[in-house]
Amino acid sequence: MRLMRAIVFAAIAIFPGILLALFAYLLLGGPAESTEWETWMYGPCYGVPGLCVLGAFILGLREDRED
């Protein structure tokens, strides 16, 4: 059950991750005049959505505590 919940959380987290990545992309320079790919773009384009999905997956794996 925990694994299925983690997968669902991660799948849903893709959408806000993409929006945050778009915001970071525009904030860090956005569409430049150059058509060449820059190495600093890996952070906003892959890192931000990846961290969102990973964070949601970890939250989904957490055990529910009833204290």
N, C-alpha and C. Protein backbone atom coordinates (compact mmCIF):
# COMPACT_ATOMS: atom_id res chain seq x y z
N MET A 1 0.82 -1.19 0.00
CA MET A 1 0.00 0.00 0.00
C MET A 1 0.87 1.26 0.00
N ARG A 2 1.95 1.22 0.79
CA ARG A 2 2.82 2.39 0.85
C ARG A 2 3.47 2.67 -0.49
N LEU A 3 3.90 1.62 -1.19
CA LEU A 3 4.55 1.81 -2.48
C LEU A 3 3.58 2.39 -3.51
N MET A 4 2.35 1.92 -3.53
CA MET A 4 1.36 2.44 -4.46
C MET A 4 1.06 3.90 -4.15
N ARG A 5 0.96 4.24 -2.88
CA ARG A 5 0.72 5.63 -2.50
C ARG A 5 1.89 6.51 -2.92
N ALA A 6 3.11 6.01 -2.77
CA ALA A 6 4.30 6.77 -3.16
C ALA A 6 4.33 6.98 -4.67
N ILE A 7 3.95 5.98 -5.44
CA ILE A 7 3.92 6.13 -6.90
C ILE A 7 2.87 7.13 -7.33
N VAL A 8 1.71 7.10 -6.71
CA VAL A 8 0.66 8.07 -7.04
C VAL A 8 1.09 9.48 -6.67
N PHE A 9 1.69 9.65 -5.51
CA PHE A 9 2.19 10.97 -5.11
C PHE A 9 3.21 11.49 -6.11
N ALA A 10 4.13 10.62 -6.53
CA ALA A 10 5.17 11.03 -7.48
C ALA A 10 4.57 11.37 -8.83
N ALA A 11 3.58 10.62 -9.27
CA ALA A 11 2.94 10.90 -10.56
C ALA A 11 2.21 12.23 -10.53
N ILE A 12 1.57 12.54 -9.44
CA ILE A 12 0.86 13.81 -9.32
C ILE A 12 1.84 14.97 -9.16
N ALA A 13 2.98 14.73 -8.56
CA ALA A 13 3.97 15.79 -8.34
C ALA A 13 4.68 16.22 -9.61
N ILE A 14 4.49 15.49 -10.70
CA ILE A 14 5.11 15.89 -11.96
C ILE A 14 4.60 17.25 -12.41
N PHE A 15 3.30 17.49 -12.27
CA PHE A 15 2.71 18.74 -12.76
C PHE A 15 3.22 19.98 -12.02
N PRO A 16 3.20 20.02 -10.69
CA PRO A 16 3.79 21.19 -10.03
C PRO A 16 5.30 21.28 -10.25
N GLY A 17 5.96 20.13 -10.41
CA GLY A 17 7.39 20.15 -10.69
C GLY A 17 7.70 20.82 -12.02
N ILE A 18 6.88 20.54 -13.02
CA ILE A 18 7.07 21.18 -14.33
C ILE A 18 6.81 22.68 -14.24
N LEU A 19 5.80 23.07 -13.49
CA LEU A 19 5.53 24.50 -13.33
C LEU A 19 6.66 25.21 -12.59
N LEU A 20 7.18 24.58 -11.54
CA LEU A 20 8.31 25.16 -10.82
C LEU A 20 9.56 25.23 -11.71
N ALA A 21 9.75 24.22 -12.54
CA ALA A 21 10.89 24.22 -13.45
C ALA A 21 10.76 25.33 -14.48
N LEU A 22 9.57 25.55 -14.98
CA LEU A 22 9.35 26.64 -15.94
C LEU A 22 9.63 27.99 -15.29
N PHE A 23 9.17 28.16 -14.05
CA PHE A 23 9.43 29.40 -13.32
C PHE A 23 10.93 29.60 -13.10
N ALA A 24 11.64 28.54 -12.71
CA ALA A 24 13.09 28.64 -12.50
C ALA A 24 13.82 28.91 -13.80
N TYR A 25 13.37 28.32 -14.88
CA TYR A 25 13.97 28.55 -16.20
C TYR A 25 13.83 30.01 -16.61
N LEU A 26 12.64 30.55 -16.43
CA LEU A 26 12.43 31.95 -16.79
C LEU A 26 13.17 32.90 -15.86
N LEU A 27 13.25 32.53 -14.58
CA LEU A 27 13.93 33.36 -13.60
C LEU A 27 15.44 33.40 -13.85
N LEU A 28 16.01 32.31 -14.32
CA LEU A 28 17.45 32.23 -14.52
C LEU A 28 17.92 32.67 -15.90
N GLY A 29 17.04 33.15 -16.71
CA GLY A 29 17.51 33.66 -18.00
C GLY A 29 16.55 33.38 -19.13
N GLY A 30 15.73 32.39 -18.98
CA GLY A 30 14.73 32.09 -19.98
C GLY A 30 15.28 31.81 -21.34
N PRO A 31 14.46 32.04 -22.34
CA PRO A 31 14.91 31.78 -23.71
C PRO A 31 15.96 32.80 -24.12
N ALA A 32 17.16 32.34 -24.30
CA ALA A 32 18.26 33.22 -24.68
C ALA A 32 18.32 33.35 -26.20
N GLU A 33 19.09 34.28 -26.65
CA GLU A 33 19.28 34.47 -28.09
C GLU A 33 20.00 33.29 -28.71
N SER A 34 20.86 32.65 -27.94
CA SER A 34 21.65 31.52 -28.43
C SER A 34 20.77 30.27 -28.51
N THR A 35 20.97 29.48 -29.54
CA THR A 35 20.24 28.22 -29.68
C THR A 35 21.02 27.05 -29.11
N GLU A 36 22.21 27.31 -28.57
CA GLU A 36 23.05 26.25 -28.03
C GLU A 36 22.64 25.94 -26.59
N TRP A 37 22.62 24.67 -26.25
CA TRP A 37 22.24 24.24 -24.90
C TRP A 37 23.36 24.57 -23.93
N GLU A 38 22.99 25.15 -22.81
CA GLU A 38 23.97 25.53 -21.80
C GLU A 38 23.93 24.52 -20.66
N THR A 39 25.07 24.25 -20.04
CA THR A 39 25.12 23.24 -18.99
C THR A 39 24.38 23.66 -17.74
N TRP A 40 24.22 24.95 -17.48
CA TRP A 40 23.52 25.38 -16.26
C TRP A 40 22.02 25.12 -16.36
N MET A 41 21.51 24.80 -17.54
CA MET A 41 20.09 24.56 -17.70
C MET A 41 19.67 23.19 -17.19
N TYR A 42 20.61 22.31 -16.89
CA TYR A 42 20.25 21.01 -16.35
C TYR A 42 19.58 21.15 -14.99
N GLY A 43 19.98 22.13 -14.21
CA GLY A 43 19.38 22.33 -12.89
C GLY A 43 17.89 22.65 -12.95
N PRO A 44 17.51 23.73 -13.64
CA PRO A 44 16.08 24.03 -13.66
C PRO A 44 15.25 23.06 -14.49
N CYS A 45 15.84 22.48 -15.52
CA CYS A 45 15.04 21.63 -16.42
C CYS A 45 14.91 20.19 -15.94
N TYR A 46 15.92 19.68 -15.23
CA TYR A 46 15.86 18.30 -14.76
C TYR A 46 15.90 18.20 -13.24
N GLY A 47 16.65 19.08 -12.60
CA GLY A 47 16.81 19.00 -11.15
C GLY A 47 15.56 19.36 -10.38
N VAL A 48 14.91 20.45 -10.76
CA VAL A 48 13.73 20.91 -10.02
C VAL A 48 12.58 19.90 -10.12
N PRO A 49 12.19 19.44 -11.32
CA PRO A 49 11.12 18.44 -11.36
C PRO A 49 11.54 17.12 -10.70
N GLY A 50 12.80 16.75 -10.85
CA GLY A 50 13.27 15.52 -10.23
C GLY A 50 13.20 15.57 -8.71
N LEU A 51 13.57 16.70 -8.14
CA LEU A 51 13.48 16.84 -6.68
C LEU A 51 12.04 16.84 -6.21
N CYS A 52 11.15 17.46 -6.96
CA CYS A 52 9.72 17.44 -6.59
C CYS A 52 9.16 16.03 -6.61
N VAL A 53 9.47 15.28 -7.65
CA VAL A 53 8.98 13.90 -7.76
C VAL A 53 9.61 13.03 -6.68
N LEU A 54 10.90 13.18 -6.44
CA LEU A 54 11.57 12.40 -5.40
C LEU A 54 11.02 12.73 -4.02
N GLY A 55 10.81 14.00 -3.75
CA GLY A 55 10.24 14.39 -2.46
C GLY A 55 8.85 13.84 -2.24
N ALA A 56 8.02 13.87 -3.28
CA ALA A 56 6.67 13.32 -3.16
C ALA A 56 6.72 11.80 -2.98
N PHE A 57 7.65 11.14 -3.65
CA PHE A 57 7.79 9.69 -3.49
C PHE A 57 8.18 9.35 -2.06
N ILE A 58 9.11 10.10 -1.51
CA ILE A 58 9.54 9.84 -0.13
C ILE A 58 8.41 10.12 0.85
N LEU A 59 7.65 11.18 0.61
CA LEU A 59 6.49 11.45 1.48
C LEU A 59 5.46 10.33 1.39
N GLY A 60 5.29 9.75 0.22
CA GLY A 60 4.36 8.65 0.07
C GLY A 60 4.81 7.38 0.77
N LEU A 61 6.12 7.20 0.91
CA LEU A 61 6.65 6.01 1.57
C LEU A 61 6.62 6.10 3.10
N ARG A 62 6.45 7.30 3.60
CA ARG A 62 6.46 7.46 5.05
C ARG A 62 5.32 6.68 5.70
N GLU A 63 5.61 6.14 6.84
CA GLU A 63 4.64 5.35 7.59
C GLU A 63 3.68 6.28 8.33
N ASP A 64 2.40 5.94 8.29
CA ASP A 64 1.42 6.71 9.05
C ASP A 64 1.55 6.37 10.53
N ARG A 65 1.60 7.40 11.34
CA ARG A 65 1.71 7.19 12.79
C ARG A 65 0.41 7.60 13.44
N GLU A 66 -0.06 6.72 14.30
CA GLU A 66 -1.27 7.05 15.07
C GLU A 66 -0.86 7.07 16.53
N ASP A 67 -0.66 8.27 17.03
CA ASP A 67 -0.23 8.41 18.44
C ASP A 67 -1.39 8.82 19.29
